[in-house]
Amino acid sequence: MIDRDPNQPNEDVQTLNRMERRIESVVSMISSGWKDGECIVATKVSPDRARLMADEIKAMRAALLHMENDLRGAAAQVEAVLA
């Protein structure tokens, strides 16, 4: 969690804290959710489901890239204002 900046509204801080918790949760799920051999089993048992999972990962990757770019852009704008 972030330290509260007295210049920021409490609602903004709460929103940021929720966002950080979601990101931490997703990182944890991803880092612990894939084991050796699962990919081979998925393609052997159901190639259609494997393709669907790959498509879903592709969509998540695109959404994450968009979120990353938005966050970096917003941070750069605030840094420019503060400089």
C-alpha atoms as a PDB file:
ATOM      1  CA  MET A   1       0.000   0.000   0.000  1.00  0.00           C
ATOM      2  CA  ILE A   2       1.041   3.560  -0.520  1.00  0.00           C
ATOM      3  CA  ASP A   3       1.686   6.113   2.148  1.00  0.00           C
ATOM      4  CA  ARG A   4      -1.045   8.702   2.290  1.00  0.00           C
ATOM      5  CA  ASP A   5      -0.085  11.979   0.652  1.00  0.00           C
ATOM      6  CA  PRO A   6      -1.886  14.745   2.537  1.00  0.00           C
ATOM      7  CA  ASN A   7      -2.408  16.553  -0.783  1.00  0.00           C
ATOM      8  CA  GLN A   8      -4.387  13.662  -2.314  1.00  0.00           C
ATOM      9  CA  PRO A   9      -8.079  13.051  -1.655  1.00  0.00           C
ATOM     10  CA  ASN A  10      -8.716   9.935   0.448  1.00  0.00           C
ATOM     11  CA  GLU A  11     -10.909   8.471  -2.332  1.00  0.00           C
ATOM     12  CA  ASP A  12      -7.963   8.639  -4.760  1.00  0.00           C
ATOM     13  CA  VAL A  13      -5.699   6.872  -2.279  1.00  0.00           C
ATOM     14  CA  GLN A  14      -8.317   4.148  -1.718  1.00  0.00           C
ATOM     15  CA  THR A  15      -8.695   3.676  -5.475  1.00  0.00           C
ATOM     16  CA  LEU A  16      -4.938   3.334  -5.878  1.00  0.00           C
ATOM     17  CA  ASN A  17      -4.751   0.858  -3.001  1.00  0.00           C
ATOM     18  CA  ARG A  18      -7.483  -1.298  -4.632  1.00  0.00           C
ATOM     19  CA  MET A  19      -5.609  -1.187  -7.918  1.00  0.00           C
ATOM     20  CA  GLU A  20      -2.357  -2.261  -6.254  1.00  0.00           C
ATOM     21  CA  ARG A  21      -4.089  -5.180  -4.514  1.00  0.00           C
ATOM     22  CA  ARG A  22      -5.579  -6.375  -7.816  1.00  0.00           C
ATOM     23  CA  ILE A  23      -2.227  -6.186  -9.568  1.00  0.00           C
ATOM     24  CA  GLU A  24      -0.500  -8.073  -6.735  1.00  0.00           C
ATOM     25  CA  SER A  25      -3.211 -10.751  -6.871  1.00  0.00           C
ATOM     26  CA  VAL A  26      -2.863 -11.232 -10.636  1.00  0.00           C
ATOM     27  CA  VAL A  27       0.935 -11.393 -10.414  1.00  0.00           C
ATOM     28  CA  SER A  28       0.649 -14.039  -7.694  1.00  0.00           C
ATOM     29  CA  MET A  29      -1.843 -16.123  -9.671  1.00  0.00           C
ATOM     30  CA  ILE A  30       0.248 -15.977 -12.834  1.00  0.00           C
ATOM     31  CA  SER A  31       3.560 -16.754 -11.166  1.00  0.00           C
ATOM     32  CA  SER A  32       2.154 -19.794  -9.341  1.00  0.00           C
ATOM     33  CA  GLY A  33      -0.335 -20.980 -11.925  1.00  0.00           C
ATOM     34  CA  TRP A  34       1.757 -22.765 -14.551  1.00  0.00           C
ATOM     35  CA  LYS A  35       3.588 -26.020 -14.049  1.00  0.00           C
ATOM     36  CA  ASP A  36       5.822 -27.991 -16.392  1.00  0.00           C
ATOM     37  CA  GLY A  37       3.861 -30.294 -18.612  1.00  0.00           C
ATOM     38  CA  GLU A  38       0.494 -28.559 -18.299  1.00  0.00           C
ATOM     39  CA  CYS A  39       0.784 -27.050 -21.769  1.00  0.00           C
ATOM     40  CA  ILE A  40       1.363 -30.470 -23.334  1.00  0.00           C
ATOM     41  CA  VAL A  41      -1.562 -31.996 -21.452  1.00  0.00           C
ATOM     42  CA  ALA A  42      -3.863 -29.127 -22.432  1.00  0.00           C
ATOM     43  CA  THR A  43      -3.072 -29.553 -26.122  1.00  0.00           C
ATOM     44  CA  LYS A  44      -3.404 -33.351 -25.971  1.00  0.00           C
ATOM     45  CA  VAL A  45      -6.713 -33.357 -24.117  1.00  0.00           C
ATOM     46  CA  SER A  46      -8.371 -30.462 -25.882  1.00  0.00           C
ATOM     47  CA  PRO A  47      -6.642 -28.489 -28.612  1.00  0.00           C
ATOM     48  CA  ASP A  48      -9.690 -26.203 -28.873  1.00  0.00           C
ATOM     49  CA  ARG A  49      -9.501 -25.321 -25.178  1.00  0.00           C
ATOM     50  CA  ALA A  50      -5.754 -24.790 -25.480  1.00  0.00           C
ATOM     51  CA  ARG A  51      -6.347 -22.349 -28.354  1.00  0.00           C
ATOM     52  CA  LEU A  52      -9.049 -20.587 -26.336  1.00  0.00           C
ATOM     53  CA  MET A  53      -6.696 -20.230 -23.363  1.00  0.00           C
ATOM     54  CA  ALA A  54      -3.988 -18.882 -25.679  1.00  0.00           C
ATOM     55  CA  ASP A  55      -6.462 -16.350 -27.100  1.00  0.00           C
ATOM     56  CA  GLU A  56      -7.461 -15.282 -23.596  1.00  0.00           C
ATOM     57  CA  ILE A  57      -3.806 -14.829 -22.619  1.00  0.00           C
ATOM     58  CA  LYS A  58      -3.274 -12.762 -25.773  1.00  0.00           C
ATOM     59  CA  ALA A  59      -6.217 -10.518 -24.827  1.00  0.00           C
ATOM     60  CA  MET A  60      -4.882 -10.169 -21.276  1.00  0.00           C
ATOM     61  CA  ARG A  61      -1.449  -9.261 -22.634  1.00  0.00           C
ATOM     62  CA  ALA A  62      -2.954  -6.543 -24.833  1.00  0.00           C
ATOM     63  CA  ALA A  63      -4.989  -5.165 -21.927  1.00  0.00           C
ATOM     64  CA  LEU A  64      -1.946  -5.216 -19.642  1.00  0.00           C
ATOM     65  CA  LEU A  65       0.163  -3.405 -22.232  1.00  0.00           C
ATOM     66  CA  HIS A  66      -2.550  -0.748 -22.552  1.00  0.00           C
ATOM     67  CA  MET A  67      -2.700  -0.366 -18.765  1.00  0.00           C
ATOM     68  CA  GLU A  68       1.090  -0.171 -18.524  1.00  0.00           C
ATOM     69  CA  ASN A  69       1.255   2.525 -21.195  1.00  0.00           C
ATOM     70  CA  ASP A  70      -1.507   4.535 -19.503  1.00  0.00           C
ATOM     71  CA  LEU A  71       0.244   4.352 -16.124  1.00  0.00           C
ATOM     72  CA  ARG A  72       3.623   5.332 -17.581  1.00  0.00           C
ATOM     73  CA  GLY A  73       2.051   8.226 -19.489  1.00  0.00           C
ATOM     74  CA  ALA A  74       0.188   9.493 -16.442  1.00  0.00           C
ATOM     75  CA  ALA A  75       3.328   9.249 -14.295  1.00  0.00           C
ATOM     76  CA  ALA A  76       5.320  11.183 -16.905  1.00  0.00           C
ATOM     77  CA  GLN A  77       2.665  13.923 -17.013  1.00  0.00           C
ATOM     78  CA  VAL A  78       2.697  14.317 -13.229  1.00  0.00           C
ATOM     79  CA  GLU A  79       6.512  14.357 -13.168  1.00  0.00           C
ATOM     80  CA  ALA A  80       6.516  17.078 -15.845  1.00  0.00           C
ATOM     81  CA  VAL A  81       4.101  19.193 -13.804  1.00  0.00           C
ATOM     82  CA  LEU A  82       6.139  18.701 -10.626  1.00  0.00           C
ATOM     83  CA  ALA A  83       9.449  19.516 -12.337  1.00  0.00           C
END
